[in-house]
Amino acid sequence: MELLKDIIIDFILFSGIEGFIFCLFFTKIFDCKKFKIYQWFLLAFGNCLISKIFPPIIYQLIMIIWMSILLYLFKFKNKLLYCFGASGLSLLMFLILEVIYSILLEKIMNFESLKLFLTDFEMIKLFIFIIPLRIIEIINIFIIKEIKMKVIIGGVVRK
C-alpha cells in the first residue's frame, strides 16, 4: 500500500510534469507531432514506475530505453537509433540541469534533494523548490530550439 501511495505522489508531483517536459522536448527539438494524452500518460507513468523500482544510474539507462521504445512506436517508425539519440539527449539535459540545481539547493537552502528516500513533507518541499527548475527546463527547450534553427539548420529564410 505504501508503494502505491509513493507512486501516486511521485506521479502527481514529479513524473507527470517531467513527462510533459519530455514531450515538449521531443516536439520542439526533434519535430515530433504533438503528443496525445495517452502517449504523455504512458511516458510519465513509465517514468514514475521506473524511478520507484530502480536506483538512479540504472533508472537513467532504462528510461532511455523506455522513451526510445515509445518514440519508435508512436513517432519515428524505422528510426530506432534516432529515438535512442533523442531520448539520451533529453535525459542528458534533465541530468545536467537537475544536478546543477540540486547543488545550488544544497548550498543555498541546505536541502539535499538527491536523497533516495524522502519523507512526504520533504517531497512536497522538493516540489516547491523544484518549480523554478521546471521553468528553466522549459525555457531551455525553447533556447535549444532557437539555437538549432539558427546554427544547425541555418536560420529562417526570409523573402
Protein backbone atom coordinates (compact mmCIF):
# COMPACT_ATOMS: atom_id res chain seq x y z
CA MET A 1 0.00 0.00 0.00
CA GLU A 2 2.92 2.31 0.81
CA LEU A 3 4.40 1.74 -2.67
CA LEU A 4 1.08 2.66 -4.31
CA LYS A 5 0.93 5.87 -2.28
CA ASP A 6 4.53 6.70 -3.27
CA ILE A 7 3.75 6.07 -6.95
CA ILE A 8 0.67 8.33 -6.87
CA ILE A 9 2.52 11.13 -5.06
CA ASP A 10 5.52 10.82 -7.40
CA PHE A 11 3.30 10.89 -10.48
CA ILE A 12 1.36 13.97 -9.36
CA LEU A 13 4.31 15.99 -8.08
CA PHE A 14 7.14 14.94 -10.40
CA SER A 15 6.69 12.35 -13.16
CA GLY A 16 3.58 13.88 -14.72
CA ILE A 17 5.34 17.23 -15.09
CA GLU A 18 8.56 15.59 -16.28
CA GLY A 19 6.55 13.63 -18.84
CA PHE A 20 5.11 16.91 -20.14
CA ILE A 21 8.60 18.42 -20.38
CA PHE A 22 9.93 15.32 -22.19
CA CYS A 23 7.03 15.54 -24.67
CA LEU A 24 7.73 19.26 -25.15
CA PHE A 25 11.43 18.48 -25.72
CA PHE A 26 10.66 15.88 -28.38
CA THR A 27 8.06 18.11 -30.04
CA LYS A 28 10.21 21.25 -30.19
CA ILE A 29 13.71 19.82 -30.68
CA PHE A 30 13.05 16.68 -32.71
CA ASP A 31 9.97 17.89 -34.61
CA CYS A 32 7.59 15.22 -33.31
CA LYS A 33 3.93 15.72 -33.89
CA LYS A 34 2.01 16.76 -30.79
CA PHE A 35 1.74 14.01 -28.21
CA LYS A 36 -1.70 12.65 -27.41
CA ILE A 37 -2.84 12.43 -23.77
CA TYR A 38 -2.43 8.66 -23.60
CA GLN A 39 1.11 8.93 -25.05
CA TRP A 40 2.05 11.53 -22.41
CA PHE A 41 0.46 9.33 -19.71
CA LEU A 42 2.42 6.24 -20.83
CA LEU A 43 5.67 8.20 -20.88
CA ALA A 44 5.02 9.82 -17.49
CA PHE A 45 3.68 6.71 -15.77
CA GLY A 46 6.59 4.63 -17.08
CA ASN A 47 8.95 7.31 -15.74
CA CYS A 48 7.19 7.11 -12.37
CA LEU A 49 7.39 3.31 -12.12
CA ILE A 50 10.97 3.13 -13.34
CA SER A 51 12.08 5.83 -10.88
CA LYS A 52 10.45 3.93 -8.00
CA ILE A 53 11.78 0.50 -8.92
CA PHE A 54 15.38 1.17 -9.99
CA PRO A 55 18.30 3.07 -8.43
CA PRO A 56 19.30 6.38 -10.12
CA ILE A 57 22.04 5.16 -12.51
CA ILE A 58 20.06 2.18 -13.74
CA TYR A 59 16.95 4.40 -13.88
CA GLN A 60 18.65 6.67 -16.42
CA LEU A 61 19.55 3.77 -18.72
CA ILE A 62 16.14 2.13 -18.50
CA MET A 63 14.41 5.48 -19.10
CA ILE A 64 16.41 5.95 -22.30
CA ILE A 65 15.24 2.52 -23.45
CA TRP A 66 11.62 3.19 -22.35
CA MET A 67 11.41 6.57 -24.08
CA SER A 68 13.13 5.19 -27.19
CA ILE A 69 10.56 2.40 -27.45
CA LEU A 70 7.68 4.87 -27.07
CA LEU A 71 9.18 7.27 -29.62
CA TYR A 72 9.76 4.40 -32.02
CA LEU A 73 6.20 3.08 -31.65
CA PHE A 74 4.38 6.43 -31.72
CA LYS A 75 6.52 8.90 -33.64
CA PHE A 76 9.56 7.64 -35.57
CA LYS A 77 8.96 4.21 -37.03
CA ASN A 78 12.05 2.79 -38.77
CA LYS A 79 14.38 5.23 -36.94
CA LEU A 80 15.39 3.35 -33.79
CA LEU A 81 18.85 4.94 -33.45
CA TYR A 82 17.26 8.40 -33.84
CA CYS A 83 14.89 7.52 -30.97
CA PHE A 84 17.80 6.47 -28.76
CA GLY A 85 19.64 9.70 -29.55
CA ALA A 86 16.59 11.85 -28.81
CA SER A 87 15.92 10.01 -25.54
CA GLY A 88 19.55 10.22 -24.49
CA LEU A 89 19.75 13.95 -25.20
CA SER A 90 16.55 14.67 -23.31
CA LEU A 91 17.75 12.78 -20.24
CA LEU A 92 21.16 14.44 -20.53
CA MET A 93 19.51 17.88 -20.44
CA PHE A 94 17.48 16.83 -17.39
CA LEU A 95 20.52 15.35 -15.66
CA ILE A 96 22.76 18.37 -16.18
CA LEU A 97 20.15 20.91 -15.09
CA GLU A 98 18.94 18.86 -12.12
CA VAL A 99 22.43 18.15 -10.78
CA ILE A 100 23.42 21.83 -11.02
CA TYR A 101 20.14 22.89 -9.42
CA SER A 102 20.48 20.26 -6.67
CA ILE A 103 23.96 21.52 -5.83
CA LEU A 104 22.59 25.06 -5.59
CA LEU A 105 19.70 23.88 -3.40
CA GLU A 106 22.11 22.12 -1.10
CA LYS A 107 24.49 25.10 -0.83
CA ILE A 108 21.91 27.90 -0.63
CA MET A 109 18.89 26.28 1.06
CA ASN A 110 20.71 23.46 2.87
CA PHE A 111 18.27 20.98 1.30
CA GLU A 112 19.55 17.69 -0.08
CA SER A 113 17.30 16.84 -3.00
CA LEU A 114 19.23 13.87 -4.36
CA LYS A 115 18.45 11.58 -1.42
CA LEU A 116 16.93 8.24 -2.38
CA PHE A 117 14.19 8.21 0.23
CA LEU A 118 12.31 11.39 1.03
CA THR A 119 9.52 11.78 3.55
CA ASP A 120 6.15 13.08 2.36
CA PHE A 121 6.96 16.51 3.76
CA GLU A 122 10.37 16.52 2.03
CA MET A 123 8.69 15.55 -1.25
CA ILE A 124 6.30 18.50 -1.02
CA LYS A 125 9.19 20.76 -0.10
CA LEU A 126 11.18 19.44 -3.06
CA PHE A 127 8.19 20.01 -5.34
CA ILE A 128 8.02 23.66 -4.27
CA PHE A 129 11.78 24.13 -4.56
CA ILE A 130 11.86 22.49 -7.98
CA ILE A 131 9.24 24.75 -9.64
CA PRO A 132 11.91 27.24 -10.80
CA LEU A 133 13.92 24.34 -12.26
CA ARG A 134 10.93 23.19 -14.30
CA ILE A 135 10.53 26.73 -15.65
CA ILE A 136 14.26 26.80 -16.51
CA GLU A 137 13.93 23.44 -18.28
CA ILE A 138 11.02 24.70 -20.39
CA ILE A 139 12.88 27.92 -21.25
CA ASN A 140 15.96 25.82 -22.07
CA ILE A 141 13.95 23.79 -24.58
CA PHE A 142 12.92 26.95 -26.44
CA ILE A 143 16.52 28.25 -26.35
CA ILE A 144 17.80 24.96 -27.78
CA LYS A 145 15.13 25.13 -30.48
CA GLU A 146 16.27 28.65 -31.45
CA ILE A 147 19.92 27.61 -31.46
CA LYS A 148 19.04 24.59 -33.60
CA MET A 149 17.13 26.80 -36.05
CA LYS A 150 19.84 29.44 -36.33
CA VAL A 151 23.08 27.48 -36.04
CA ILE A 152 22.43 23.95 -37.18
CA ILE A 153 19.71 24.42 -39.80
CA GLY A 154 20.92 27.82 -40.96
CA GLY A 155 18.31 30.24 -39.79
CA VAL A 156 14.94 31.32 -41.00
CA VAL A 157 14.66 32.05 -44.70
CA ARG A 158 13.06 35.41 -45.41
CA LYS A 159 11.84 36.67 -48.74
